[in-house]
Protein backbone atom coordinates (compact mmCIF):
# COMPACT_ATOMS: atom_id res chain seq x y z
CA LEU A 1 -83.39 -212.52 -43.49
CA TYR A 2 -83.19 -209.04 -42.03
CA LEU A 3 -80.82 -209.87 -39.16
CA GLY A 4 -78.05 -207.62 -40.48
CA ILE A 5 -80.32 -204.61 -40.88
CA ILE A 6 -81.95 -205.12 -37.49
CA PHE A 7 -78.57 -205.58 -35.82
CA GLY A 8 -77.22 -202.47 -37.55
CA LEU A 9 -80.12 -200.40 -36.24
CA TYR A 10 -79.59 -201.88 -32.77
CA VAL A 11 -75.91 -200.87 -32.91
CA LEU A 12 -76.77 -197.33 -34.00
CA ILE A 13 -79.38 -196.88 -31.28
CA THR A 14 -77.27 -198.34 -28.47
CA ILE A 15 -74.22 -196.26 -29.35
CA GLY A 16 -76.37 -193.13 -29.22
CA ILE A 17 -77.93 -194.13 -25.91
CA TYR A 18 -74.59 -195.03 -24.36
CA HIS A 19 -73.06 -191.73 -25.45
CA VAL A 20 -75.74 -189.80 -23.58
CA LEU A 21 -75.60 -192.26 -20.67
CA VAL A 22 -71.84 -191.81 -20.20
CA VAL A 23 -72.12 -188.01 -20.20
CA LYS A 24 -75.03 -187.95 -17.74
CA LEU A 25 -73.65 -190.63 -15.40
CA GLU A 26 -70.20 -189.05 -15.22
CA GLU A 27 -71.73 -185.63 -14.63
CA SER A 28 -73.96 -186.93 -11.82
CA PHE A 29 -71.86 -189.64 -10.15
CA GLY A 30 -68.28 -189.26 -11.31
CA VAL A 31 -66.51 -192.28 -12.77
CA TRP A 32 -67.52 -194.98 -10.28
CA PRO A 33 -70.23 -196.43 -12.61
CA TRP A 34 -67.35 -197.94 -14.60
CA LEU A 35 -67.57 -200.89 -12.20
CA VAL A 36 -71.13 -201.59 -13.31
CA PHE A 37 -70.18 -201.41 -16.99
CA LEU A 38 -67.22 -203.73 -16.35
CA ALA A 39 -69.44 -206.28 -14.62
CA ILE A 40 -72.07 -206.14 -17.38
CA GLY A 41 -69.36 -206.41 -20.03
CA LEU A 42 -67.78 -209.48 -18.42
CA ILE A 43 -71.16 -211.16 -17.99
CA CYS A 44 -71.91 -210.51 -21.66
CA VAL A 45 -68.52 -211.98 -22.67
CA TYR A 46 -69.39 -215.13 -20.77
CA LEU A 47 -72.88 -215.29 -22.29
CA SER A 48 -71.45 -214.79 -25.77
CA TRP A 49 -68.98 -217.59 -25.19
CA GLN A 50 -71.72 -219.92 -23.91
CA SER A 51 -74.34 -218.96 -26.48
CA PRO A 52 -75.87 -221.83 -28.48
CA SER A 53 -76.29 -219.84 -31.69
CA GLN A 54 -74.09 -217.54 -33.73
CA ALA A 55 -76.71 -214.79 -33.79
CA LEU A 56 -77.00 -214.75 -30.01
CA SER A 57 -73.25 -214.97 -29.61
CA MET A 58 -72.86 -211.96 -31.89
CA TRP A 59 -75.49 -210.02 -29.93
CA TRP A 60 -73.93 -210.83 -26.55
CA GLY A 61 -70.45 -210.14 -27.91
CA TYR A 62 -71.44 -206.73 -29.19
CA ASN A 63 -73.03 -205.87 -25.85
CA ALA A 64 -69.91 -207.10 -24.06
CA PHE A 65 -67.58 -204.81 -25.96
CA LEU A 66 -70.03 -201.91 -25.87
CA ASN A 67 -69.98 -202.07 -22.08
CA LEU A 68 -66.24 -202.70 -21.84
CA TRP A 69 -65.54 -199.73 -24.12
CA THR A 70 -67.81 -197.64 -21.90
CA VAL A 71 -65.39 -198.21 -19.01
CA LYS A 72 -62.76 -196.31 -21.00
CA GLU A 73 -65.25 -193.66 -22.04
CA MET A 74 -66.22 -192.94 -18.43
CA PHE A 75 -62.64 -191.86 -17.70
CA ASP A 76 -62.28 -190.05 -21.02
CA GLN A 77 -65.48 -188.12 -20.30
CA ARG A 78 -64.07 -186.94 -16.99
CA GLN A 79 -60.99 -185.62 -18.81
CA ARG A 80 -63.13 -183.88 -21.43
CA ARG A 81 -65.29 -182.27 -18.75
CA LEU A 82 -62.27 -181.08 -16.76
CA GLN A 83 -60.62 -179.63 -19.88
CA LYS A 84 -63.71 -177.50 -20.59
CA ARG A 85 -63.34 -175.69 -17.27
């Protein structure tokens, strides 16, 4: 009944967390954590594909693309940080 509202809140919260996470990880470790996000993203793609229900498939799919997009953001964050100097 409230799946859409709950999922929307989950999306909002995870985007905010990942924004801070990308900034802090890139600042502390450089861009190498992109490998971890790629692995998590690919695992989530597989789990979405194999999921028995549409709701779980949607959840895994969102997490997949959140992590795959974060790979790009890790490199973009490095460029943003270097441009500030």
